[in-house]
Amino acid sequence: MKKLFIAPLAALLFAGSAGAAQLQTLTLREQAQTKDQLAREVVEVRGHREAASIILTDALYGGVAGLAIGGAVALIEQDNNWGRDLGVGAGVGLLVGALFGIVDSATLVDQAPHPGSYQMRF
């Protein structure tokens, strides 16, 4: 029975202490901007990952996907060569993922600036 009254009492005390400060307001005056002013304020920032990290990441994801596919093949075949199925699946997945990463990083080279640099338009 005591617990039933303690929680509402604590809530009232907490709410009372939270409202102790005076309310302060801030009013901002917005100035109308012309189209030229807005165009000068546009800033474009592009990030760029290194090619090696793209290739390694894609190869890792390909290896995990290949391992899953190899596990599915091992379950379907139901023979005693499950280690071979998992290994072949992971290996093929690593190779396919690495090839995909090479193509992916080669296409991004033309689109983004050097790592750590930022591009600004005014």
PDB file of N, CA and C in Angstrom:
ATOM      1  N   MET A   1       0.813  -1.195   0.000  1.00  0.00           N
ATOM      2  CA  MET A   1       0.000   0.000   0.000  1.00  0.00           C
ATOM      3  C   MET A   1       0.859   1.262   0.000  1.00  0.00           C
ATOM      4  N   LYS A   2       2.011   1.195   0.721  1.00  0.00           N
ATOM      5  CA  LYS A   2       2.893   2.354   0.766  1.00  0.00           C
ATOM      6  C   LYS A   2       3.470   2.663  -0.618  1.00  0.00           C
ATOM      7  N   LYS A   3       3.772   1.604  -1.380  1.00  0.00           N
ATOM      8  CA  LYS A   3       4.362   1.796  -2.699  1.00  0.00           C
ATOM      9  C   LYS A   3       3.405   2.534  -3.633  1.00  0.00           C
ATOM     10  N   LEU A   4       2.128   2.380  -3.410  1.00  0.00           N
ATOM     11  CA  LEU A   4       1.133   3.032  -4.235  1.00  0.00           C
ATOM     12  C   LEU A   4       1.163   4.551  -4.064  1.00  0.00           C
ATOM     13  N   PHE A   5       1.535   5.031  -2.886  1.00  0.00           N
ATOM     14  CA  PHE A   5       1.564   6.464  -2.626  1.00  0.00           C
ATOM     15  C   PHE A   5       2.942   7.080  -2.842  1.00  0.00           C
ATOM     16  N   ILE A   6       4.003   6.278  -2.796  1.00  0.00           N
ATOM     17  CA  ILE A   6       5.356   6.817  -2.925  1.00  0.00           C
ATOM     18  C   ILE A   6       5.630   7.279  -4.356  1.00  0.00           C
ATOM     19  N   ALA A   7       5.217   6.514  -5.337  1.00  0.00           N
ATOM     20  CA  ALA A   7       5.488   6.872  -6.730  1.00  0.00           C
ATOM     21  C   ALA A   7       4.819   8.181  -7.142  1.00  0.00           C
ATOM     22  N   PRO A   8       3.523   8.412  -6.861  1.00  0.00           N
ATOM     23  CA  PRO A   8       2.927   9.703  -7.222  1.00  0.00           C
ATOM     24  C   PRO A   8       3.531  10.869  -6.447  1.00  0.00           C
ATOM     25  N   LEU A   9       3.917  10.651  -5.207  1.00  0.00           N
ATOM     26  CA  LEU A   9       4.533  11.712  -4.415  1.00  0.00           C
ATOM     27  C   LEU A   9       5.891  12.081  -4.995  1.00  0.00           C
ATOM     28  N   ALA A  10       6.661  11.083  -5.377  1.00  0.00           N
ATOM     29  CA  ALA A  10       7.959  11.348  -5.985  1.00  0.00           C
ATOM     30  C   ALA A  10       7.803  12.069  -7.320  1.00  0.00           C
ATOM     31  N   ALA A  11       6.802  11.699  -8.083  1.00  0.00           N
ATOM     32  CA  ALA A  11       6.556  12.366  -9.364  1.00  0.00           C
ATOM     33  C   ALA A  11       6.183  13.834  -9.159  1.00  0.00           C
ATOM     34  N   LEU A  12       5.381  14.128  -8.152  1.00  0.00           N
ATOM     35  CA  LEU A  12       5.019  15.515  -7.864  1.00  0.00           C
ATOM     36  C   LEU A  12       6.229  16.332  -7.416  1.00  0.00           C
ATOM     37  N   LEU A  13       7.075  15.758  -6.577  1.00  0.00           N
ATOM     38  CA  LEU A  13       8.269  16.470  -6.121  1.00  0.00           C
ATOM     39  C   LEU A  13       9.221  16.727  -7.290  1.00  0.00           C
ATOM     40  N   PHE A  14       9.384  15.757  -8.145  1.00  0.00           N
ATOM     41  CA  PHE A  14      10.263  15.908  -9.294  1.00  0.00           C
ATOM     42  C   PHE A  14       9.713  16.950 -10.263  1.00  0.00           C
ATOM     43  N   ALA A  15       8.423  16.926 -10.508  1.00  0.00           N
ATOM     44  CA  ALA A  15       7.802  17.886 -11.422  1.00  0.00           C
ATOM     45  C   ALA A  15       7.859  19.292 -10.843  1.00  0.00           C
ATOM     46  N   GLY A  16       7.721  19.415  -9.536  1.00  0.00           N
ATOM     47  CA  GLY A  16       7.799  20.725  -8.904  1.00  0.00           C
ATOM     48  C   GLY A  16       9.185  21.321  -9.000  1.00  0.00           C
ATOM     49  N   SER A  17      10.223  20.517  -8.835  1.00  0.00           N
ATOM     50  CA  SER A  17      11.585  21.041  -8.921  1.00  0.00           C
ATOM     51  C   SER A  17      11.969  21.350 -10.360  1.00  0.00           C
ATOM     52  N   ALA A  18      11.388  20.661 -11.326  1.00  0.00           N
ATOM     53  CA  ALA A  18      11.706  20.910 -12.726  1.00  0.00           C
ATOM     54  C   ALA A  18      11.139  22.240 -13.195  1.00  0.00           C
ATOM     55  N   GLY A  19      10.036  22.672 -12.647  1.00  0.00           N
ATOM     56  CA  GLY A  19       9.405  23.917 -13.062  1.00  0.00           C
ATOM     57  C   GLY A  19       9.851  25.115 -12.243  1.00  0.00           C
ATOM     58  N   ALA A  20      10.930  25.033 -11.482  1.00  0.00           N
ATOM     59  CA  ALA A  20      11.357  26.105 -10.600  1.00  0.00           C
ATOM     60  C   ALA A  20      11.971  27.276 -11.348  1.00  0.00           C
ATOM     61  N   ALA A  21      12.602  27.063 -12.484  1.00  0.00           N
ATOM     62  CA  ALA A  21      13.267  28.147 -13.213  1.00  0.00           C
ATOM     63  C   ALA A  21      12.242  28.945 -14.018  1.00  0.00           C
ATOM     64  N   GLN A  22      12.597  30.223 -14.276  1.00  0.00           N
ATOM     65  CA  GLN A  22      11.716  31.068 -15.075  1.00  0.00           C
ATOM     66  C   GLN A  22      11.818  30.671 -16.537  1.00  0.00           C
ATOM     67  N   LEU A  23      10.741  30.830 -17.220  1.00  0.00           N
ATOM     68  CA  LEU A  23      10.704  30.512 -18.645  1.00  0.00           C
ATOM     69  C   LEU A  23      11.271  31.679 -19.428  1.00  0.00           C
ATOM     70  N   GLN A  24      12.260  31.398 -20.289  1.00  0.00           N
ATOM     71  CA  GLN A  24      12.871  32.432 -21.111  1.00  0.00           C
ATOM     72  C   GLN A  24      12.605  32.099 -22.570  1.00  0.00           C
ATOM     73  N   THR A  25      12.313  33.120 -23.339  1.00  0.00           N
ATOM     74  CA  THR A  25      12.043  32.887 -24.752  1.00  0.00           C
ATOM     75  C   THR A  25      13.037  33.671 -25.598  1.00  0.00           C
ATOM     76  N   LEU A  26      13.255  33.203 -26.780  1.00  0.00           N
ATOM     77  CA  LEU A  26      14.146  33.845 -27.735  1.00  0.00           C
ATOM     78  C   LEU A  26      13.366  34.025 -29.031  1.00  0.00           C
ATOM     79  N   THR A  27      13.355  35.224 -29.528  1.00  0.00           N
ATOM     80  CA  THR A  27      12.641  35.516 -30.758  1.00  0.00           C
ATOM     81  C   THR A  27      13.666  35.857 -31.839  1.00  0.00           C
ATOM     82  N   LEU A  28      13.570  35.152 -32.954  1.00  0.00           N
ATOM     83  CA  LEU A  28      14.472  35.393 -34.074  1.00  0.00           C
ATOM     84  C   LEU A  28      13.711  36.071 -35.193  1.00  0.00           C
ATOM     85  N   ARG A  29      14.382  36.999 -35.836  1.00  0.00           N
ATOM     86  CA  ARG A  29      13.774  37.689 -36.952  1.00  0.00           C
ATOM     87  C   ARG A  29      14.397  37.141 -38.232  1.00  0.00           C
ATOM     88  N   GLU A  30      13.579  36.599 -39.078  1.00  0.00           N
ATOM     89  CA  GLU A  30      14.067  35.995 -40.319  1.00  0.00           C
ATOM     90  C   GLU A  30      14.013  37.022 -41.436  1.00  0.00           C
ATOM     91  N   GLN A  31      15.166  37.147 -42.117  1.00  0.00           N
ATOM     92  CA  GLN A  31      15.225  38.072 -43.238  1.00  0.00           C
ATOM     93  C   GLN A  31      15.041  37.283 -44.527  1.00  0.00           C
ATOM     94  N   ALA A  32      14.324  37.886 -45.432  1.00  0.00           N
ATOM     95  CA  ALA A  32      14.112  37.231 -46.718  1.00  0.00           C
ATOM     96  C   ALA A  32      15.422  37.240 -47.503  1.00  0.00           C
ATOM     97  N   GLN A  33      15.749  36.085 -48.089  1.00  0.00           N
ATOM     98  CA  GLN A  33      16.983  35.973 -48.860  1.00  0.00           C
ATOM     99  C   GLN A  33      16.660  35.854 -50.337  1.00  0.00           C
ATOM    100  N   THR A  34      17.516  36.440 -51.125  1.00  0.00           N
ATOM    101  CA  THR A  34      17.324  36.344 -52.573  1.00  0.00           C
ATOM    102  C   THR A  34      17.885  35.023 -53.066  1.00  0.00           C
ATOM    103  N   LYS A  35      17.618  34.715 -54.304  1.00  0.00           N
ATOM    104  CA  LYS A  35      18.075  33.471 -54.910  1.00  0.00           C
ATOM    105  C   LYS A  35      19.604  33.434 -55.001  1.00  0.00           C
ATOM    106  N   ASP A  36      20.225  34.591 -55.252  1.00  0.00           N
ATOM    107  CA  ASP A  36      21.682  34.650 -55.344  1.00  0.00           C
ATOM    108  C   ASP A  36      22.339  34.386 -53.987  1.00  0.00           C
ATOM    109  N   GLN A  37      21.748  34.901 -52.927  1.00  0.00           N
ATOM    110  CA  GLN A  37      22.312  34.662 -51.597  1.00  0.00           C
ATOM    111  C   GLN A  37      22.220  33.185 -51.224  1.00  0.00           C
ATOM    112  N   LEU A  38      21.115  32.550 -51.555  1.00  0.00           N
ATOM    113  CA  LEU A  38      20.974  31.125 -51.257  1.00  0.00           C
ATOM    114  C   LEU A  38      21.953  30.293 -52.075  1.00  0.00           C
ATOM    115  N   ALA A  39      22.184  30.670 -53.332  1.00  0.00           N
ATOM    116  CA  ALA A  39      23.099  29.918 -54.193  1.00  0.00           C
ATOM    117  C   ALA A  39      24.527  30.002 -53.677  1.00  0.00           C
ATOM    118  N   ARG A  40      24.913  31.131 -53.067  1.00  0.00           N
ATOM    119  CA  ARG A  40      26.269  31.267 -52.538  1.00  0.00           C
ATOM    120  C   ARG A  40      26.477  30.443 -51.271  1.00  0.00           C
ATOM    121  N   GLU A  41      25.414  30.088 -50.583  1.00  0.00           N
ATOM    122  CA  GLU A  41      25.534  29.360 -49.327  1.00  0.00           C
ATOM    123  C   GLU A  41      25.504  27.848 -49.489  1.00  0.00           C
ATOM    124  N   VAL A  42      25.315  27.345 -50.679  1.00  0.00           N
ATOM    125  CA  VAL A  42      25.273  25.902 -50.905  1.00  0.00           C
ATOM    126  C   VAL A  42      26.678  25.343 -50.776  1.00  0.00           C
ATOM    127  N   VAL A  43      26.831  24.366 -49.913  1.00  0.00           N
ATOM    128  CA  VAL A  43      28.123  23.715 -49.704  1.00  0.00           C
ATOM    129  C   VAL A  43      27.928  22.227 -49.957  1.00  0.00           C
ATOM    130  N   GLU A  44      28.785  21.669 -50.793  1.00  0.00           N
ATOM    131  CA  GLU A  44      28.687  20.253 -51.111  1.00  0.00           C
ATOM    132  C   GLU A  44      29.901  19.547 -50.515  1.00  0.00           C
ATOM    133  N   VAL A  45      29.651  18.499 -49.736  1.00  0.00           N
ATOM    134  CA  VAL A  45      30.726  17.735 -49.120  1.00  0.00           C
ATOM    135  C   VAL A  45      30.569  16.292 -49.550  1.00  0.00           C
ATOM    136  N   ARG A  46      31.626  15.738 -50.113  1.00  0.00           N
ATOM    137  CA  ARG A  46      31.600  14.345 -50.530  1.00  0.00           C
ATOM    138  C   ARG A  46      32.669  13.580 -49.773  1.00  0.00           C
ATOM    139  N   GLY A  47      32.306  12.454 -49.227  1.00  0.00           N
ATOM    140  CA  GLY A  47      33.273  11.589 -48.585  1.00  0.00           C
ATOM    141  C   GLY A  47      33.786  10.552 -49.577  1.00  0.00           C
ATOM    142  N   HIS A  48      34.933   9.980 -49.280  1.00  0.00           N
ATOM    143  CA  HIS A  48      35.518   9.008 -50.195  1.00  0.00           C
ATOM    144  C   HIS A  48      36.256   7.964 -49.374  1.00  0.00           C
ATOM    145  N   ARG A  49      35.946   6.709 -49.615  1.00  0.00           N
ATOM    146  CA  ARG A  49      36.680   5.617 -48.977  1.00  0.00           C
ATOM    147  C   ARG A  49      37.802   5.182 -49.889  1.00  0.00           C
ATOM    148  N   GLU A  50      38.854   4.668 -49.306  1.00  0.00           N
ATOM    149  CA  GLU A  50      39.969   4.205 -50.112  1.00  0.00           C
ATOM    150  C   GLU A  50      39.580   2.933 -50.848  1.00  0.00           C
ATOM    151  N   ALA A  51      40.244   2.704 -51.981  1.00  0.00           N
ATOM    152  CA  ALA A  51      39.921   1.554 -52.825  1.00  0.00           C
ATOM    153  C   ALA A  51      40.163   0.239 -52.084  1.00  0.00           C
ATOM    154  N   ALA A  52      41.245   0.166 -51.313  1.00  0.00           N
ATOM    155  CA  ALA A  52      41.562  -1.076 -50.588  1.00  0.00           C
ATOM    156  C   ALA A  52      40.467  -1.425 -49.584  1.00  0.00           C
ATOM    157  N   SER A  53      39.926  -0.421 -48.892  1.00  0.00           N
ATOM    158  CA  SER A  53      38.874  -0.717 -47.912  1.00  0.00           C
ATOM    159  C   SER A  53      37.581  -1.165 -48.598  1.00  0.00           C
ATOM    160  N   ILE A  54      37.295  -0.601 -49.774  1.00  0.00           N
ATOM    161  CA  ILE A  54      36.109  -1.025 -50.523  1.00  0.00           C
ATOM    162  C   ILE A  54      36.264  -2.474 -50.967  1.00  0.00           C
ATOM    163  N   ILE A  55      37.437  -2.816 -51.499  1.00  0.00           N
ATOM    164  CA  ILE A  55      37.671  -4.178 -51.992  1.00  0.00           C
ATOM    165  C   ILE A  55      37.625  -5.175 -50.846  1.00  0.00           C
ATOM    166  N   LEU A  56      38.277  -4.854 -49.719  1.00  0.00           N
ATOM    167  CA  LEU A  56      38.282  -5.781 -48.574  1.00  0.00           C
ATOM    168  C   LEU A  56      36.892  -5.956 -47.968  1.00  0.00           C
ATOM    169  N   THR A  57      36.145  -4.881 -47.883  1.00  0.00           N
ATOM    170  CA  THR A  57      34.790  -4.976 -47.330  1.00  0.00           C
ATOM    171  C   THR A  57      33.899  -5.837 -48.216  1.00  0.00           C
ATOM    172  N   ASP A  58      33.962  -5.601 -49.522  1.00  0.00           N
ATOM    173  CA  ASP A  58      33.139  -6.388 -50.440  1.00  0.00           C
ATOM    174  C   ASP A  58      33.569  -7.854 -50.452  1.00  0.00           C
ATOM    175  N   ALA A  59      34.883  -8.114 -50.353  1.00  0.00           N
ATOM    176  CA  ALA A  59      35.364  -9.495 -50.299  1.00  0.00           C
ATOM    177  C   ALA A  59      34.884 -10.179 -49.023  1.00  0.00           C
ATOM    178  N   LEU A  60      34.890  -9.455 -47.906  1.00  0.00           N
ATOM    179  CA  LEU A  60      34.409 -10.029 -46.643  1.00  0.00           C
ATOM    180  C   LEU A  60      32.925 -10.380 -46.727  1.00  0.00           C
ATOM    181  N   TYR A  61      32.131  -9.459 -47.249  1.00  0.00           N
ATOM    182  CA  TYR A  61      30.699  -9.742 -47.397  1.00  0.00           C
ATOM    183  C   TYR A  61      30.462 -10.896 -48.372  1.00  0.00           C
ATOM    184  N   GLY A  62      31.243 -10.951 -49.436  1.00  0.00           N
ATOM    185  CA  GLY A  62      31.123 -12.052 -50.383  1.00  0.00           C
ATOM    186  C   GLY A  62      31.492 -13.379 -49.739  1.00  0.00           C
ATOM    187  N   GLY A  63      32.519 -13.380 -48.896  1.00  0.00           N
ATOM    188  CA  GLY A  63      32.908 -14.607 -48.195  1.00  0.00           C
ATOM    189  C   GLY A  63      31.834 -15.094 -47.238  1.00  0.00           C
ATOM    190  N   VAL A  64      31.202 -14.160 -46.537  1.00  0.00           N
ATOM    191  CA  VAL A  64      30.117 -14.542 -45.612  1.00  0.00           C
ATOM    192  C   VAL A  64      28.924 -15.084 -46.395  1.00  0.00           C
ATOM    193  N   ALA A  65      28.595 -14.421 -47.502  1.00  0.00           N
ATOM    194  CA  ALA A  65      27.481 -14.912 -48.325  1.00  0.00           C
ATOM    195  C   ALA A  65      27.815 -16.275 -48.924  1.00  0.00           C
ATOM    196  N   GLY A  66      29.053 -16.452 -49.389  1.00  0.00           N
ATOM    197  CA  GLY A  66      29.467 -17.741 -49.934  1.00  0.00           C
ATOM    198  C   GLY A  66      29.455 -18.836 -48.887  1.00  0.00           C
ATOM    199  N   LEU A  67      29.841 -18.500 -47.667  1.00  0.00           N
ATOM    200  CA  LEU A  67      29.788 -19.478 -46.576  1.00  0.00           C
ATOM    201  C   LEU A  67      28.349 -19.907 -46.305  1.00  0.00           C
ATOM    202  N   ALA A  68      27.424 -18.960 -46.338  1.00  0.00           N
ATOM    203  CA  ALA A  68      26.012 -19.301 -46.143  1.00  0.00           C
ATOM    204  C   ALA A  68      25.495 -20.186 -47.267  1.00  0.00           C
ATOM    205  N   ILE A  69      25.878 -19.862 -48.494  1.00  0.00           N
ATOM    206  CA  ILE A  69      25.446 -20.683 -49.629  1.00  0.00           C
ATOM    207  C   ILE A  69      26.070 -22.066 -49.547  1.00  0.00           C
ATOM    208  N   GLY A  70      27.350 -22.136 -49.154  1.00  0.00           N
ATOM    209  CA  GLY A  70      27.997 -23.436 -48.973  1.00  0.00           C
ATOM    210  C   GLY A  70      27.327 -24.261 -47.883  1.00  0.00           C
ATOM    211  N   GLY A  71      26.876 -23.602 -46.830  1.00  0.00           N
ATOM    212  CA  GLY A  71      26.131 -24.308 -45.783  1.00  0.00           C
ATOM    213  C   GLY A  71      24.814 -24.835 -46.287  1.00  0.00           C
ATOM    214  N   ALA A  72      24.155 -24.060 -47.140  1.00  0.00           N
ATOM    215  CA  ALA A  72      22.895 -24.529 -47.710  1.00  0.00           C
ATOM    216  C   ALA A  72      23.125 -25.723 -48.619  1.00  0.00           C
ATOM    217  N   VAL A  73      24.197 -25.684 -49.395  1.00  0.00           N
ATOM    218  CA  VAL A  73      24.522 -26.815 -50.266  1.00  0.00           C
ATOM    219  C   VAL A  73      24.836 -28.051 -49.429  1.00  0.00           C
ATOM    220  N   ALA A  74      25.563 -27.866 -48.336  1.00  0.00           N
ATOM    221  CA  ALA A  74      25.899 -28.998 -47.460  1.00  0.00           C
ATOM    222  C   ALA A  74      24.646 -29.611 -46.849  1.00  0.00           C
ATOM    223  N   LEU A  75      23.678 -28.776 -46.499  1.00  0.00           N
ATOM    224  CA  LEU A  75      22.430 -29.301 -45.937  1.00  0.00           C
ATOM    225  C   LEU A  75      21.599 -30.030 -46.987  1.00  0.00           C
ATOM    226  N   ILE A  76      21.620 -29.513 -48.202  1.00  0.00           N
ATOM    227  CA  ILE A  76      20.846 -30.153 -49.263  1.00  0.00           C
ATOM    228  C   ILE A  76      21.465 -31.491 -49.665  1.00  0.00           C
ATOM    229  N   GLU A  77      22.795 -31.523 -49.797  1.00  0.00           N
ATOM    230  CA  GLU A  77      23.483 -32.740 -50.236  1.00  0.00           C
ATOM    231  C   GLU A  77      23.455 -33.848 -49.173  1.00  0.00           C
ATOM    232  N   GLN A  78      23.543 -33.479 -47.917  1.00  0.00           N
ATOM    233  CA  GLN A  78      23.527 -34.409 -46.781  1.00  0.00           C
ATOM    234  C   GLN A  78      24.571 -35.519 -46.932  1.00  0.00           C
ATOM    235  N   ASP A  79      25.777 -35.132 -47.350  1.00  0.00           N
ATOM    236  CA  ASP A  79      26.860 -36.107 -47.387  1.00  0.00           C
ATOM    237  C   ASP A  79      27.897 -35.702 -46.334  1.00  0.00           C
ATOM    238  N   ASN A  80      28.992 -36.390 -46.284  1.00  0.00           N
ATOM    239  CA  ASN A  80      29.995 -36.119 -45.256  1.00  0.00           C
ATOM    240  C   ASN A  80      31.037 -35.107 -45.710  1.00  0.00           C
ATOM    241  N   ASN A  81      30.804 -34.406 -46.779  1.00  0.00           N
ATOM    242  CA  ASN A  81      31.752 -33.419 -47.294  1.00  0.00           C
ATOM    243  C   ASN A  81      31.314 -31.990 -46.970  1.00  0.00           C
ATOM    244  N   TRP A  82      30.771 -31.757 -45.792  1.00  0.00           N
ATOM    245  CA  TRP A  82      30.275 -30.430 -45.451  1.00  0.00           C
ATOM    246  C   TRP A  82      31.413 -29.425 -45.316  1.00  0.00           C
ATOM    247  N   GLY A  83      32.590 -29.869 -44.868  1.00  0.00           N
ATOM    248  CA  GLY A  83      33.738 -28.970 -44.781  1.00  0.00           C
ATOM    249  C   GLY A  83      34.170 -28.464 -46.147  1.00  0.00           C
ATOM    250  N   ARG A  84      34.158 -29.355 -47.114  1.00  0.00           N
ATOM    251  CA  ARG A  84      34.498 -28.967 -48.479  1.00  0.00           C
ATOM    252  C   ARG A  84      33.473 -27.989 -49.020  1.00  0.00           C
ATOM    253  N   ASP A  85      32.189 -28.251 -48.775  1.00  0.00           N
ATOM    254  CA  ASP A  85      31.134 -27.366 -49.272  1.00  0.00           C
ATOM    255  C   ASP A  85      31.250 -25.972 -48.667  1.00  0.00           C
ATOM    256  N   LEU A  86      31.524 -25.912 -47.364  1.00  0.00           N
ATOM    257  CA  LEU A  86      31.676 -24.610 -46.712  1.00  0.00           C
ATOM    258  C   LEU A  86      32.911 -23.878 -47.238  1.00  0.00           C
ATOM    259  N   GLY A  87      34.018 -24.615 -47.392  1.00  0.00           N
ATOM    260  CA  GLY A  87      35.253 -23.995 -47.884  1.00  0.00           C
ATOM    261  C   GLY A  87      35.135 -23.480 -49.306  1.00  0.00           C
ATOM    262  N   VAL A  88      34.539 -24.293 -50.169  1.00  0.00           N
ATOM    263  CA  VAL A  88      34.370 -23.869 -51.559  1.00  0.00           C
ATOM    264  C   VAL A  88      33.433 -22.670 -51.631  1.00  0.00           C
ATOM    265  N   GLY A  89      32.359 -22.701 -50.874  1.00  0.00           N
ATOM    266  CA  GLY A  89      31.422 -21.572 -50.877  1.00  0.00           C
ATOM    267  C   GLY A  89      32.075 -20.291 -50.394  1.00  0.00           C
ATOM    268  N   ALA A  90      32.843 -20.384 -49.297  1.00  0.00           N
ATOM    269  CA  ALA A  90      33.509 -19.187 -48.770  1.00  0.00           C
ATOM    270  C   ALA A  90      34.578 -18.693 -49.742  1.00  0.00           C
ATOM    271  N   GLY A  91      35.317 -19.602 -50.344  1.00  0.00           N
ATOM    272  CA  GLY A  91      36.362 -19.198 -51.289  1.00  0.00           C
ATOM    273  C   GLY A  91      35.807 -18.525 -52.521  1.00  0.00           C
ATOM    274  N   VAL A  92      34.783 -19.114 -53.093  1.00  0.00           N
ATOM    275  CA  VAL A  92      34.157 -18.506 -54.275  1.00  0.00           C
ATOM    276  C   VAL A  92      33.533 -17.170 -53.899  1.00  0.00           C
ATOM    277  N   GLY A  93      32.933 -17.102 -52.725  1.00  0.00           N
ATOM    278  CA  GLY A  93      32.347 -15.838 -52.276  1.00  0.00           C
ATOM    279  C   GLY A  93      33.400 -14.755 -52.092  1.00  0.00           C
ATOM    280  N   LEU A  94      34.564 -15.111 -51.543  1.00  0.00           N
ATOM    281  CA  LEU A  94      35.646 -14.137 -51.397  1.00  0.00           C
ATOM    282  C   LEU A  94      36.110 -13.614 -52.755  1.00  0.00           C
ATOM    283  N   LEU A  95      36.279 -14.523 -53.711  1.00  0.00           N
ATOM    284  CA  LEU A  95      36.728 -14.102 -55.035  1.00  0.00           C
ATOM    285  C   LEU A  95      35.709 -13.220 -55.740  1.00  0.00           C
ATOM    286  N   VAL A  96      34.463 -13.623 -55.696  1.00  0.00           N
ATOM    287  CA  VAL A  96      33.418 -12.829 -56.351  1.00  0.00           C
ATOM    288  C   VAL A  96      33.271 -11.476 -55.659  1.00  0.00           C
ATOM    289  N   GLY A  97      33.320 -11.469 -54.324  1.00  0.00           N
ATOM    290  CA  GLY A  97      33.233 -10.200 -53.588  1.00  0.00           C
ATOM    291  C   GLY A  97      34.405  -9.284 -53.895  1.00  0.00           C
ATOM    292  N   ALA A  98      35.616  -9.852 -53.998  1.00  0.00           N
ATOM    293  CA  ALA A  98      36.781  -9.034 -54.333  1.00  0.00           C
ATOM    294  C   ALA A  98      36.668  -8.456 -55.734  1.00  0.00           C
ATOM    295  N   LEU A  99      36.199  -9.250 -56.689  1.00  0.00           N
ATOM    296  CA  LEU A  99      36.001  -8.738 -58.046  1.00  0.00           C
ATOM    297  C   LEU A  99      34.959  -7.630 -58.070  1.00  0.00           C
ATOM    298  N   PHE A 100      33.890  -7.824 -57.333  1.00  0.00           N
ATOM    299  CA  PHE A 100      32.867  -6.784 -57.247  1.00  0.00           C
ATOM    300  C   PHE A 100      33.444  -5.522 -56.614  1.00  0.00           C
ATOM    301  N   GLY A 101      34.281  -5.681 -55.578  1.00  0.00           N
ATOM    302  CA  GLY A 101      34.908  -4.530 -54.936  1.00  0.00           C
ATOM    303  C   GLY A 101      35.847  -3.789 -55.861  1.00  0.00           C
ATOM    304  N   ILE A 102      36.578  -4.517 -56.709  1.00  0.00           N
ATOM    305  CA  ILE A 102      37.473  -3.874 -57.676  1.00  0.00           C
ATOM    306  C   ILE A 102      36.669  -3.028 -58.656  1.00  0.00           C
ATOM    307  N   VAL A 103      35.591  -3.582 -59.170  1.00  0.00           N
ATOM    308  CA  VAL A 103      34.748  -2.833 -60.109  1.00  0.00           C
ATOM    309  C   VAL A 103      34.104  -1.645 -59.405  1.00  0.00           C
ATOM    310  N   ASP A 104      33.655  -1.854 -58.177  1.00  0.00           N
ATOM    311  CA  ASP A 104      33.011  -0.790 -57.413  1.00  0.00           C
ATOM    312  C   ASP A 104      33.984   0.353 -57.138  1.00  0.00           C
ATOM    313  N   SER A 105      35.189   0.041 -56.705  1.00  0.00           N
ATOM    314  CA  SER A 105      36.159   1.096 -56.408  1.00  0.00           C
ATOM    315  C   SER A 105      36.644   1.787 -57.679  1.00  0.00           C
ATOM    316  N   ALA A 106      36.711   1.063 -58.786  1.00  0.00           N
ATOM    317  CA  ALA A 106      37.140   1.684 -60.043  1.00  0.00           C
ATOM    318  C   ALA A 106      36.104   2.679 -60.551  1.00  0.00           C
ATOM    319  N   THR A 107      34.844   2.427 -60.323  1.00  0.00           N
ATOM    320  CA  THR A 107      33.814   3.357 -60.781  1.00  0.00           C
ATOM    321  C   THR A 107      33.694   4.562 -59.868  1.00  0.00           C
ATOM    322  N   LEU A 108      34.091   4.436 -58.604  1.00  0.00           N
ATOM    323  CA  LEU A 108      33.995   5.561 -57.675  1.00  0.00           C
ATOM    324  C   LEU A 108      35.180   6.502 -57.754  1.00  0.00           C
ATOM    325  N   VAL A 109      36.259   6.106 -58.394  1.00  0.00           N
ATOM    326  CA  VAL A 109      37.449   6.953 -58.474  1.00  0.00           C
ATOM    327  C   VAL A 109      37.141   8.242 -59.215  1.00  0.00           C
ATOM    328  N   ASP A 110      36.355   8.175 -60.265  1.00  0.00           N
ATOM    329  CA  ASP A 110      36.048   9.352 -61.057  1.00  0.00           C
ATOM    330  C   ASP A 110      35.028  10.271 -60.389  1.00  0.00           C
ATOM    331  N   GLN A 111      34.287   9.774 -59.414  1.00  0.00           N
ATOM    332  CA  GLN A 111      33.187  10.540 -58.850  1.00  0.00           C
ATOM    333  C   GLN A 111      33.572  11.358 -57.628  1.00  0.00           C
ATOM    334  N   ALA A 112      34.544  10.933 -56.855  1.00  0.00           N
ATOM    335  CA  ALA A 112      34.819  11.587 -55.588  1.00  0.00           C
ATOM    336  C   ALA A 112      36.241  12.135 -55.560  1.00  0.00           C
ATOM    337  N   PRO A 113      36.473  13.211 -54.798  1.00  0.00           N
ATOM    338  CA  PRO A 113      37.814  13.768 -54.690  1.00  0.00           C
ATOM    339  C   PRO A 113      38.713  12.910 -53.812  1.00  0.00           C
ATOM    340  N   HIS A 114      39.924  13.334 -53.637  1.00  0.00           N
ATOM    341  CA  HIS A 114      40.915  12.628 -52.819  1.00  0.00           C
ATOM    342  C   HIS A 114      40.401  12.510 -51.383  1.00  0.00           C
ATOM    343  N   PRO A 115      40.741  11.414 -50.666  1.00  0.00           N
ATOM    344  CA  PRO A 115      40.279  11.246 -49.280  1.00  0.00           C
ATOM    345  C   PRO A 115      40.717  12.407 -48.398  1.00  0.00           C
ATOM    346  N   GLY A 116      39.806  12.872 -47.590  1.00  0.00           N
ATOM    347  CA  GLY A 116      40.103  13.961 -46.671  1.00  0.00           C
ATOM    348  C   GLY A 116      39.883  15.340 -47.267  1.00  0.00           C
ATOM    349  N   SER A 117      39.645  15.433 -48.549  1.00  0.00           N
ATOM    350  CA  SER A 117      39.416  16.745 -49.151  1.00  0.00           C
ATOM    351  C   SER A 117      37.914  16.988 -49.270  1.00  0.00           C
ATOM    352  N   TYR A 118      37.561  18.242 -49.306  1.00  0.00           N
ATOM    353  CA  TYR A 118      36.155  18.618 -49.394  1.00  0.00           C
ATOM    354  C   TYR A 118      35.973  19.561 -50.576  1.00  0.00           C
ATOM    355  N   GLN A 119      34.855  19.448 -51.185  1.00  0.00           N
ATOM    356  CA  GLN A 119      34.558  20.239 -52.367  1.00  0.00           C
ATOM    357  C   GLN A 119      33.481  21.243 -52.003  1.00  0.00           C
ATOM    358  N   MET A 120      33.717  22.515 -52.325  1.00  0.00           N
ATOM    359  CA  MET A 120      32.753  23.554 -51.988  1.00  0.00           C
ATOM    360  C   MET A 120      32.341  24.274 -53.265  1.00  0.00           C
ATOM    361  N   ARG A 121      31.064  24.519 -53.396  1.00  0.00           N
ATOM    362  CA  ARG A 121      30.537  25.313 -54.511  1.00  0.00           C
ATOM    363  C   ARG A 121      29.992  26.610 -53.963  1.00  0.00           C
ATOM    364  N   PHE A 122      30.311  27.691 -54.632  1.00  0.00           N
ATOM    365  CA  PHE A 122      29.775  29.003 -54.214  1.00  0.00           C
ATOM    366  C   PHE A 122      29.079  29.668 -55.356  1.00  0.00           C
TER     367      PHE A 122
END
